N, C-alpha and C. Protein backbone atom coordinates (compact mmCIF):
# COMPACT_ATOMS: atom_id res chain seq x y z
N MET A 1 -122.86 -195.23 -126.66
CA MET A 1 -123.20 -193.97 -127.63
C MET A 1 -125.05 -193.07 -128.03
N ARG A 2 -124.82 -195.08 -129.21
CA ARG A 2 -126.33 -195.38 -129.79
C ARG A 2 -127.19 -195.58 -128.71
N ARG A 3 -127.35 -196.49 -127.94
CA ARG A 3 -128.54 -196.18 -126.57
C ARG A 3 -129.09 -194.91 -126.25
N ARG A 4 -128.23 -193.86 -126.27
CA ARG A 4 -128.12 -192.60 -125.94
C ARG A 4 -129.42 -191.70 -126.79
N ILE A 5 -129.02 -192.19 -127.55
CA ILE A 5 -129.54 -190.74 -128.75
C ILE A 5 -130.56 -191.80 -129.73
N LEU A 6 -131.67 -190.39 -129.90
CA LEU A 6 -132.68 -191.62 -130.42
C LEU A 6 -133.16 -191.33 -131.82
N LYS A 7 -132.91 -190.14 -131.97
CA LYS A 7 -132.73 -189.92 -133.80
C LYS A 7 -131.54 -190.08 -134.76
N PRO A 8 -131.57 -190.58 -135.28
CA PRO A 8 -131.12 -191.46 -136.15
C PRO A 8 -130.27 -190.71 -137.35
N GLU A 9 -130.38 -188.73 -137.39
CA GLU A 9 -130.30 -188.53 -137.02
C GLU A 9 -129.22 -187.57 -137.16
N ILE A 10 -129.65 -187.60 -135.81
CA ILE A 10 -127.89 -187.09 -134.67
C ILE A 10 -126.80 -187.87 -135.30
N ILE A 11 -126.55 -189.29 -135.20
CA ILE A 11 -125.60 -190.16 -135.60
C ILE A 11 -124.97 -190.03 -136.91
N ASP A 12 -126.02 -189.80 -137.95
CA ASP A 12 -125.21 -189.43 -139.30
C ASP A 12 -124.67 -187.87 -138.57
N PHE A 13 -125.29 -186.99 -138.25
CA PHE A 13 -124.16 -185.52 -138.86
C PHE A 13 -122.94 -186.06 -137.55
N ILE A 14 -123.24 -186.76 -136.53
CA ILE A 14 -121.74 -186.84 -135.68
C ILE A 14 -120.82 -187.87 -136.67
N ALA A 15 -120.85 -188.32 -137.68
CA ALA A 15 -120.44 -189.78 -138.03
C ALA A 15 -120.14 -188.17 -139.50
N LYS A 16 -120.28 -187.22 -139.64
CA LYS A 16 -120.65 -186.81 -140.57
C LYS A 16 -119.16 -185.55 -139.96
N ALA A 17 -119.19 -184.88 -139.13
CA ALA A 17 -118.72 -183.90 -138.12
C ALA A 17 -117.39 -185.19 -137.46
N ASP A 18 -117.29 -186.10 -137.67
CA ASP A 18 -116.05 -186.91 -137.67
C ASP A 18 -115.38 -187.26 -138.61
N GLN A 19 -115.83 -187.70 -139.73
CA GLN A 19 -115.08 -187.64 -141.21
C GLN A 19 -114.52 -186.67 -141.48
N THR A 20 -115.16 -184.78 -141.00
CA THR A 20 -114.52 -184.03 -141.50
C THR A 20 -113.01 -183.29 -141.12
N TYR A 21 -113.36 -183.81 -138.75
CA TYR A 21 -113.21 -183.06 -138.45
C TYR A 21 -112.30 -184.49 -137.37
N GLN A 22 -112.05 -185.79 -137.75
CA GLN A 22 -111.48 -186.55 -136.47
C GLN A 22 -111.35 -186.96 -134.79
N LEU A 23 -112.55 -186.63 -134.94
CA LEU A 23 -113.07 -186.41 -133.01
C LEU A 23 -112.73 -187.83 -132.40
N THR A 24 -112.20 -187.23 -131.35
CA THR A 24 -112.33 -187.74 -130.28
C THR A 24 -113.61 -188.89 -129.63
N GLN A 25 -113.35 -189.91 -128.89
CA GLN A 25 -114.54 -190.06 -128.67
C GLN A 25 -115.13 -189.46 -127.64
N ARG A 26 -114.64 -188.64 -126.50
CA ARG A 26 -115.53 -187.89 -126.20
C ARG A 26 -115.61 -186.76 -126.01
N GLU A 27 -115.10 -186.29 -127.67
CA GLU A 27 -115.17 -185.38 -128.36
C GLU A 27 -116.93 -185.82 -128.85
N ARG A 28 -116.89 -186.46 -129.43
CA ARG A 28 -118.43 -187.03 -130.13
C ARG A 28 -120.01 -187.76 -129.17
N ILE A 29 -119.11 -188.46 -127.94
CA ILE A 29 -120.52 -188.21 -126.96
C ILE A 29 -120.67 -186.87 -127.00
N ALA A 30 -120.48 -185.39 -126.88
CA ALA A 30 -120.41 -184.45 -125.93
C ALA A 30 -120.88 -183.61 -126.87
N LEU A 31 -120.57 -183.57 -128.07
CA LEU A 31 -121.35 -183.16 -129.30
C LEU A 31 -122.66 -183.49 -129.92
N GLY A 32 -122.24 -184.93 -129.12
CA GLY A 32 -124.06 -185.80 -129.49
C GLY A 32 -124.90 -184.98 -128.45
N LEU A 33 -125.33 -185.15 -127.51
CA LEU A 33 -125.49 -184.74 -126.53
C LEU A 33 -125.73 -183.39 -126.48
N LEU A 34 -124.65 -182.83 -126.98
CA LEU A 34 -125.10 -181.53 -127.45
C LEU A 34 -126.76 -181.24 -128.83
N ALA A 35 -126.36 -181.99 -129.89
CA ALA A 35 -126.54 -182.20 -131.08
C ALA A 35 -128.83 -182.53 -130.62
N GLN A 36 -128.85 -183.57 -129.43
CA GLN A 36 -129.54 -183.80 -128.81
C GLN A 36 -130.57 -182.99 -128.08
N HIS A 37 -130.12 -182.19 -127.58
CA HIS A 37 -130.20 -180.99 -126.95
C HIS A 37 -130.54 -180.06 -127.26
N GLU A 38 -130.48 -179.76 -128.03
CA GLU A 38 -129.89 -178.24 -129.07
C GLU A 38 -129.06 -177.27 -128.35
N ALA A 39 -129.58 -177.18 -126.62
CA ALA A 39 -128.71 -176.24 -126.26
C ALA A 39 -128.77 -176.77 -124.86
N MET A 40 -127.18 -176.97 -123.49
CA MET A 40 -127.46 -177.41 -122.14
C MET A 40 -126.10 -176.46 -121.63
N THR A 41 -126.39 -176.33 -120.45
CA THR A 41 -125.62 -175.12 -119.84
C THR A 41 -124.41 -176.82 -118.98
N ALA A 42 -123.33 -175.85 -118.58
CA ALA A 42 -122.09 -176.29 -118.21
C ALA A 42 -122.77 -177.53 -117.40
N ARG A 43 -122.98 -176.92 -116.37
CA ARG A 43 -123.93 -178.46 -115.06
C ARG A 43 -124.66 -178.89 -115.79
N GLU A 44 -125.40 -178.97 -116.62
CA GLU A 44 -126.86 -179.84 -117.89
C GLU A 44 -125.22 -180.93 -117.67
N LEU A 45 -124.08 -180.54 -118.70
CA LEU A 45 -122.87 -180.74 -119.88
C LEU A 45 -122.99 -182.39 -118.95
N ALA A 46 -122.47 -181.53 -117.46
CA ALA A 46 -121.55 -182.40 -116.91
C ALA A 46 -121.65 -182.98 -116.12
N ALA A 47 -123.77 -183.08 -115.40
CA ALA A 47 -124.33 -183.80 -114.97
C ALA A 47 -124.87 -184.87 -115.97
N MET A 48 -124.71 -185.17 -116.90
CA MET A 48 -125.45 -186.01 -118.18
C MET A 48 -123.81 -186.56 -118.51
N LEU A 49 -122.95 -186.19 -118.58
CA LEU A 49 -121.75 -187.46 -118.78
C LEU A 49 -120.96 -187.06 -117.00
N GLU A 50 -121.87 -187.49 -116.63
CA GLU A 50 -122.12 -187.85 -115.03
C GLU A 50 -119.90 -187.50 -114.66
N LEU A 51 -120.05 -186.31 -114.92
CA LEU A 51 -118.27 -185.46 -114.40
C LEU A 51 -118.68 -185.03 -112.90
N PRO A 52 -117.77 -184.97 -112.27
CA PRO A 52 -117.40 -185.02 -110.68
C PRO A 52 -117.73 -183.35 -110.94
N SER A 53 -117.27 -182.49 -112.17
CA SER A 53 -117.46 -180.73 -111.17
C SER A 53 -117.21 -180.09 -112.71
N VAL A 54 -118.16 -179.35 -113.03
CA VAL A 54 -118.04 -178.52 -114.50
C VAL A 54 -116.67 -178.61 -114.84
N ASP A 55 -115.25 -178.20 -113.99
CA ASP A 55 -113.90 -178.23 -114.86
C ASP A 55 -113.48 -179.14 -115.47
N ALA A 56 -114.75 -180.92 -115.14
CA ALA A 56 -114.58 -181.59 -116.02
C ALA A 56 -114.52 -181.66 -117.28
N LEU A 57 -115.00 -180.40 -117.71
CA LEU A 57 -115.86 -180.90 -118.95
C LEU A 57 -114.50 -180.61 -120.57
N GLN A 58 -113.35 -179.70 -119.36
CA GLN A 58 -112.90 -179.47 -120.38
C GLN A 58 -112.13 -180.21 -121.17
N PRO A 59 -111.81 -181.59 -120.91
CA PRO A 59 -111.54 -182.41 -122.16
C PRO A 59 -112.20 -182.32 -122.95
N TRP A 60 -113.22 -182.83 -122.65
CA TRP A 60 -114.73 -183.42 -123.47
C TRP A 60 -114.81 -182.46 -124.70
N ILE A 61 -114.40 -181.05 -124.48
CA ILE A 61 -115.46 -179.61 -125.02
C ILE A 61 -114.01 -178.48 -125.22
N LYS A 62 -113.19 -178.79 -125.12
CA LYS A 62 -112.33 -178.03 -124.87
C LYS A 62 -112.13 -177.96 -126.81
N ARG A 63 -111.35 -178.56 -127.71
CA ARG A 63 -110.99 -179.19 -129.07
C ARG A 63 -112.72 -178.42 -129.86
N ILE A 64 -113.11 -179.02 -129.44
CA ILE A 64 -114.80 -178.49 -130.50
C ILE A 64 -115.18 -176.65 -130.39
N LEU A 65 -114.73 -176.74 -129.19
CA LEU A 65 -115.16 -175.03 -128.24
C LEU A 65 -113.71 -174.25 -129.38
N GLU A 66 -112.65 -174.72 -130.04
CA GLU A 66 -112.07 -174.11 -130.76
C GLU A 66 -111.67 -174.31 -132.31
N TRP A 67 -112.52 -175.38 -132.78
CA TRP A 67 -112.72 -175.73 -133.83
C TRP A 67 -114.34 -174.53 -133.88
N ASP A 68 -115.10 -174.23 -133.15
CA ASP A 68 -116.05 -173.84 -133.53
C ASP A 68 -117.14 -174.75 -134.05
N LEU A 69 -117.31 -175.35 -133.50
CA LEU A 69 -118.42 -176.30 -133.91
C LEU A 69 -119.03 -176.97 -132.43
N ILE A 70 -118.88 -175.84 -131.79
CA ILE A 70 -119.59 -175.94 -130.63
C ILE A 70 -120.37 -173.89 -130.63
N GLN A 71 -120.88 -173.49 -130.00
CA GLN A 71 -120.24 -172.12 -129.58
C GLN A 71 -120.70 -172.13 -127.81
N SER A 72 -120.39 -170.93 -127.14
CA SER A 72 -120.79 -170.40 -125.99
C SER A 72 -121.52 -169.31 -125.63
N ALA A 73 -122.18 -169.29 -124.98
CA ALA A 73 -123.26 -167.89 -124.21
C ALA A 73 -122.73 -167.87 -122.82
N GLY A 74 -122.49 -166.94 -121.72
CA GLY A 74 -122.45 -167.09 -120.46
C GLY A 74 -121.09 -167.44 -119.93
N ARG A 75 -121.03 -167.26 -118.25
CA ARG A 75 -119.78 -167.62 -118.23
C ARG A 75 -120.11 -168.91 -116.76
N THR A 76 -119.27 -169.12 -115.93
CA THR A 76 -118.69 -170.30 -114.41
C THR A 76 -119.79 -171.53 -115.22
N GLN A 77 -120.86 -171.95 -114.32
CA GLN A 77 -121.56 -172.91 -114.61
C GLN A 77 -122.93 -172.88 -115.68
N ALA A 78 -123.19 -171.92 -115.03
CA ALA A 78 -124.51 -171.15 -116.10
C ALA A 78 -124.36 -170.97 -117.76
N THR A 79 -122.64 -171.47 -118.21
CA THR A 79 -122.56 -171.20 -120.03
C THR A 79 -123.22 -172.11 -120.34
N ARG A 80 -124.18 -171.74 -121.21
CA ARG A 80 -124.93 -172.88 -122.74
C ARG A 80 -123.94 -172.93 -123.29
N TYR A 81 -123.73 -174.21 -124.07
CA TYR A 81 -123.54 -174.12 -124.76
C TYR A 81 -123.99 -174.98 -126.32
N PHE A 82 -124.05 -174.76 -127.03
CA PHE A 82 -124.57 -175.32 -128.21
C PHE A 82 -123.80 -175.10 -129.74
N VAL A 83 -124.57 -176.07 -130.30
CA VAL A 83 -124.10 -176.61 -131.21
C VAL A 83 -123.35 -175.42 -132.32
N ASP A 84 -123.00 -175.39 -133.17
CA ASP A 84 -123.30 -174.09 -134.40
C ASP A 84 -123.78 -174.06 -135.45
N PRO A 85 -125.00 -172.78 -135.44
CA PRO A 85 -125.94 -173.43 -136.53
C PRO A 85 -125.22 -173.63 -138.14
N ARG A 86 -124.32 -173.22 -138.09
CA ARG A 86 -123.45 -173.23 -139.85
C ARG A 86 -122.65 -174.22 -139.73
N LEU A 87 -122.71 -174.81 -138.71
CA LEU A 87 -122.26 -176.16 -138.80
C LEU A 87 -123.28 -177.19 -139.19
N LEU A 88 -124.67 -177.31 -138.78
CA LEU A 88 -125.82 -177.88 -139.17
C LEU A 88 -126.39 -177.30 -140.22
N ARG A 89 -125.92 -176.65 -140.96
CA ARG A 89 -126.15 -176.34 -142.69
C ARG A 89 -125.85 -176.66 -143.24
N THR A 90 -124.75 -176.50 -143.08
CA THR A 90 -122.82 -177.47 -143.59
C THR A 90 -123.20 -179.11 -143.71
N LEU A 91 -123.63 -180.06 -142.97
CA LEU A 91 -123.37 -180.75 -142.85
C LEU A 91 -125.39 -181.48 -143.07
N ASN A 92 -125.74 -180.77 -143.40
CA ASN A 92 -127.45 -180.87 -143.94
C ASN A 92 -127.73 -181.60 -142.97
N PHE A 93 -128.28 -180.93 -141.30
CA PHE A 93 -128.53 -181.95 -140.52
C PHE A 93 -129.75 -181.55 -140.25
N VAL A 94 -130.90 -181.93 -140.39
CA VAL A 94 -132.12 -181.33 -140.18
C VAL A 94 -132.94 -181.88 -138.89
N GLY A 95 -132.87 -180.64 -138.15
CA GLY A 95 -133.78 -180.85 -136.64
C GLY A 95 -134.47 -179.69 -136.62
N GLY A 96 -135.75 -180.41 -135.37
CA GLY A 96 -136.82 -179.57 -134.90
C GLY A 96 -136.20 -178.07 -134.28
N THR A 97 -137.26 -176.94 -134.25
CA THR A 97 -136.53 -175.88 -133.95
C THR A 97 -137.47 -175.84 -132.01
N THR A 98 -136.75 -174.87 -131.38
CA THR A 98 -137.63 -174.78 -130.22
C THR A 98 -137.17 -173.53 -129.77
N LEU A 99 -137.26 -173.25 -129.01
CA LEU A 99 -136.48 -171.96 -128.33
C LEU A 99 -135.66 -172.39 -126.91
N LYS A 100 -135.23 -172.90 -127.11
CA LYS A 100 -134.07 -173.56 -126.01
C LYS A 100 -132.52 -172.43 -125.66
N ARG A 101 -132.65 -171.62 -127.28
CA ARG A 101 -131.69 -171.12 -127.42
C ARG A 101 -132.48 -169.64 -127.48
N ILE A 102 -133.64 -169.34 -126.91
CA ILE A 102 -133.25 -167.56 -127.28
C ILE A 102 -133.09 -166.92 -127.16
N GLU A 103 -133.32 -165.37 -127.89
CA GLU A 103 -132.20 -164.93 -127.41
C GLU A 103 -132.82 -163.60 -125.73
N PRO A 104 -132.73 -163.20 -125.57
CA PRO A 104 -133.49 -162.50 -124.10
C PRO A 104 -133.70 -161.44 -124.43
N HIS A 105 -133.64 -160.22 -125.54
CA HIS A 105 -134.76 -159.19 -126.17
C HIS A 105 -135.89 -160.27 -126.10
N ARG A 106 -135.71 -161.56 -127.46
CA ARG A 106 -136.76 -161.64 -127.80
C ARG A 106 -138.13 -162.93 -126.09
N LEU A 107 -137.38 -163.40 -125.81
CA LEU A 107 -137.69 -164.13 -124.96
C LEU A 107 -138.56 -162.39 -124.19
N SER A 108 -137.76 -161.79 -123.67
CA SER A 108 -138.40 -160.10 -122.91
C SER A 108 -139.39 -159.70 -123.86
N ALA A 109 -139.72 -159.66 -125.32
CA ALA A 109 -141.05 -159.33 -125.67
C ALA A 109 -141.98 -160.42 -125.76
N LEU A 110 -141.43 -161.93 -126.17
CA LEU A 110 -143.38 -162.90 -125.34
C LEU A 110 -143.25 -162.87 -123.94
N ILE A 111 -142.88 -162.81 -123.19
CA ILE A 111 -143.15 -162.40 -122.04
C ILE A 111 -144.07 -160.80 -121.19
N ILE A 112 -143.58 -159.71 -122.73
CA ILE A 112 -144.44 -158.54 -122.42
C ILE A 112 -146.06 -159.39 -122.81
N GLU A 113 -145.23 -159.88 -124.44
CA GLU A 113 -147.09 -159.89 -125.23
C GLU A 113 -147.75 -160.51 -123.98
N ASP A 114 -147.36 -162.11 -123.82
CA ASP A 114 -147.98 -162.84 -122.75
C ASP A 114 -149.18 -162.69 -121.98
N VAL A 115 -148.08 -161.55 -120.73
CA VAL A 115 -148.87 -160.31 -120.16
C VAL A 115 -150.03 -159.66 -120.37
N SER A 116 -149.85 -159.19 -121.71
CA SER A 116 -150.75 -158.24 -122.05
C SER A 116 -152.17 -159.19 -122.57
N ARG A 117 -151.49 -160.44 -123.31
CA ARG A 117 -153.19 -160.96 -123.03
C ARG A 117 -153.85 -161.76 -122.39
N TYR A 118 -152.91 -161.68 -121.09
CA TYR A 118 -152.96 -162.74 -120.10
C TYR A 118 -152.25 -161.88 -118.81
N PRO A 119 -153.37 -160.52 -118.39
CA PRO A 119 -152.87 -160.24 -117.16
C PRO A 119 -153.47 -160.87 -116.28
N LYS A 120 -152.03 -160.79 -115.07
CA LYS A 120 -152.83 -161.13 -113.37
C LYS A 120 -151.64 -162.53 -113.97
N SER A 121 -150.72 -162.48 -114.50
CA SER A 121 -150.24 -164.25 -114.37
C SER A 121 -149.30 -164.92 -113.63
N LYS A 122 -149.23 -165.64 -112.84
CA LYS A 122 -147.89 -166.67 -112.27
C LYS A 122 -147.56 -166.55 -113.20
N ILE A 123 -145.70 -166.46 -112.43
CA ILE A 123 -144.87 -167.43 -113.51
C ILE A 123 -144.72 -168.73 -113.87
N GLY A 124 -145.34 -169.59 -113.34
CA GLY A 124 -145.51 -170.88 -113.30
C GLY A 124 -147.24 -170.36 -115.63
N ASP A 125 -147.73 -170.19 -114.82
CA ASP A 125 -148.49 -170.11 -115.96
C ASP A 125 -147.65 -169.10 -117.14
N ILE A 126 -147.02 -167.89 -117.21
CA ILE A 126 -146.49 -167.67 -118.65
C ILE A 126 -145.55 -168.61 -118.62
N HIS A 127 -144.60 -169.32 -118.10
CA HIS A 127 -143.64 -170.48 -118.34
C HIS A 127 -144.87 -171.20 -119.01
N GLU A 128 -145.27 -171.96 -118.90
CA GLU A 128 -146.55 -173.39 -119.36
C GLU A 128 -146.99 -172.14 -121.30
N ARG A 129 -147.45 -171.18 -121.29
CA ARG A 129 -147.96 -170.41 -122.48
C ARG A 129 -147.06 -170.14 -123.10
N ILE A 130 -145.12 -169.96 -122.47
CA ILE A 130 -144.64 -169.50 -123.67
C ILE A 130 -143.75 -170.62 -124.62
N GLY A 131 -143.62 -171.60 -123.36
CA GLY A 131 -143.12 -172.49 -123.45
C GLY A 131 -142.16 -174.05 -122.60
N ARG A 132 -142.27 -174.61 -122.90
CA ARG A 132 -141.10 -174.97 -121.33
C ARG A 132 -140.34 -175.66 -121.54
N GLU A 133 -139.50 -175.81 -122.65
CA GLU A 133 -138.15 -176.01 -123.61
C GLU A 133 -137.18 -174.85 -122.65
N ILE A 134 -137.86 -173.82 -122.47
CA ILE A 134 -137.03 -173.03 -122.12
C ILE A 134 -136.73 -172.39 -120.51
N PRO A 135 -135.56 -172.83 -120.19
CA PRO A 135 -135.47 -173.32 -118.06
C PRO A 135 -136.89 -171.90 -117.23
N ARG A 136 -137.00 -172.46 -116.81
CA ARG A 136 -137.93 -171.61 -115.98
C ARG A 136 -136.88 -170.71 -115.47
N SER A 137 -135.60 -171.48 -114.60
CA SER A 137 -134.70 -169.80 -114.30
C SER A 137 -134.54 -168.65 -115.60
N ARG A 138 -134.27 -168.67 -116.38
CA ARG A 138 -134.54 -167.28 -117.65
C ARG A 138 -135.52 -166.69 -117.63
N ILE A 139 -136.78 -167.53 -117.85
CA ILE A 139 -138.08 -166.09 -117.90
C ILE A 139 -137.95 -166.05 -115.95
N ARG A 140 -137.96 -166.82 -115.09
CA ARG A 140 -137.85 -165.66 -113.90
C ARG A 140 -137.14 -164.40 -114.43
N ARG A 141 -135.68 -165.02 -114.57
CA ARG A 141 -133.99 -164.25 -114.96
C ARG A 141 -135.77 -162.90 -115.85
N GLY A 142 -135.91 -162.91 -116.36
CA GLY A 142 -136.13 -161.99 -117.41
C GLY A 142 -137.58 -161.12 -117.00
N ILE A 143 -138.25 -162.15 -116.41
CA ILE A 143 -139.36 -161.17 -115.90
C ILE A 143 -138.79 -160.25 -114.21
N GLU A 144 -137.97 -160.71 -114.06
CA GLU A 144 -137.34 -159.18 -112.52
C GLU A 144 -136.04 -158.23 -114.00
N GLN A 145 -135.90 -159.31 -114.75
CA GLN A 145 -135.32 -157.42 -115.52
C GLN A 145 -136.10 -156.66 -116.14
N LEU A 146 -137.66 -156.74 -116.49
CA LEU A 146 -138.41 -156.24 -116.85
C LEU A 146 -139.45 -155.62 -115.83
N VAL A 147 -139.54 -156.42 -114.13
CA VAL A 147 -139.88 -155.60 -113.28
C VAL A 147 -139.14 -154.82 -112.91
N LYS A 148 -137.49 -155.12 -113.54
CA LYS A 148 -136.76 -153.55 -112.89
C LYS A 148 -136.17 -152.01 -113.88
N ALA A 149 -136.66 -152.77 -115.26
CA ALA A 149 -137.21 -152.35 -116.28
C ALA A 149 -138.39 -150.67 -116.24
N GLY A 150 -139.34 -151.46 -115.55
CA GLY A 150 -140.93 -150.76 -114.77
C GLY A 150 -141.55 -151.09 -116.52
N LYS A 151 -141.48 -152.25 -117.07
CA LYS A 151 -142.08 -152.45 -118.35
C LYS A 151 -143.55 -153.57 -117.69
N LEU A 152 -143.26 -154.35 -116.46
CA LEU A 152 -144.51 -155.30 -115.59
C LEU A 152 -144.08 -154.39 -114.58
N MET A 153 -145.09 -155.16 -113.66
CA MET A 153 -145.48 -154.51 -112.62
C MET A 153 -145.83 -156.18 -111.56
N ALA A 154 -145.61 -156.47 -110.62
CA ALA A 154 -145.58 -157.15 -110.32
C ALA A 154 -146.54 -156.89 -108.53
N GLU A 155 -147.37 -157.50 -108.27
CA GLU A 155 -148.67 -157.56 -107.28
C GLU A 155 -148.13 -158.50 -106.84
N GLY A 156 -148.30 -158.86 -105.26
CA GLY A 156 -148.54 -159.66 -103.96
C GLY A 156 -146.87 -160.10 -104.16
N VAL A 157 -146.86 -161.08 -103.23
CA VAL A 157 -145.53 -161.41 -102.50
C VAL A 157 -145.21 -163.10 -102.72
N LYS A 158 -143.80 -164.10 -103.22
CA LYS A 158 -143.11 -165.43 -103.83
C LYS A 158 -144.55 -166.11 -104.54
N ASN A 159 -144.84 -167.19 -103.99
CA ASN A 159 -146.11 -167.84 -104.39
C ASN A 159 -147.39 -167.23 -105.45
N GLY A 160 -148.08 -166.12 -104.65
CA GLY A 160 -148.11 -165.15 -105.46
C GLY A 160 -149.07 -163.88 -106.41
N THR A 161 -147.38 -164.43 -106.23
CA THR A 161 -146.56 -163.09 -107.15
C THR A 161 -147.42 -162.94 -108.47
N ARG A 162 -148.12 -161.99 -108.71
CA ARG A 162 -149.19 -162.30 -110.24
C ARG A 162 -148.30 -160.67 -111.40
N TYR A 163 -148.62 -160.93 -112.46
CA TYR A 163 -147.71 -159.91 -113.19
C TYR A 163 -148.83 -159.28 -114.14
N ARG A 164 -148.52 -157.90 -114.27
CA ARG A 164 -149.04 -157.51 -115.05
C ARG A 164 -148.95 -155.68 -116.37
N LEU A 165 -149.13 -155.28 -116.94
CA LEU A 165 -148.01 -154.38 -117.76
C LEU A 165 -148.70 -153.13 -116.65
N PRO A 166 -147.53 -152.30 -116.44
CA PRO A 166 -148.37 -150.79 -115.69
C PRO A 166 -149.22 -149.97 -116.38
């Protein structure tokens, strides 16, 4: 596990969590991966753990979900898992802040702000300016919802689609 975790503060965090909750080796590994990556989908976590399917995740995360060490958002393979922020504060974990777990309404506001500053932008340009740590699929989904709601206008098709305010 130490070979895959690059930050010593994550190892300290896992050690403190293990002292408090008596974690199994699988739970330590899953918690360490989630702390290191801040948030991961079920599919990403299963791939990192080299599991055959998302269903095989249950023995790895079931108890730490029940104990609220990690939280989830979403359903099926797109379920996102992340370490509970209260636990991070309790165990004095010092880590950087990223946009990986940004809430949908905040992401929509960022997209609208970006398009207002840079009209006729492609999705790739919007993604680059907002933040590469946010999955492109979430940016795409946010843009699609804004277009459906009439808050953005799409011009063009497929790779040539550009977005602007109405």
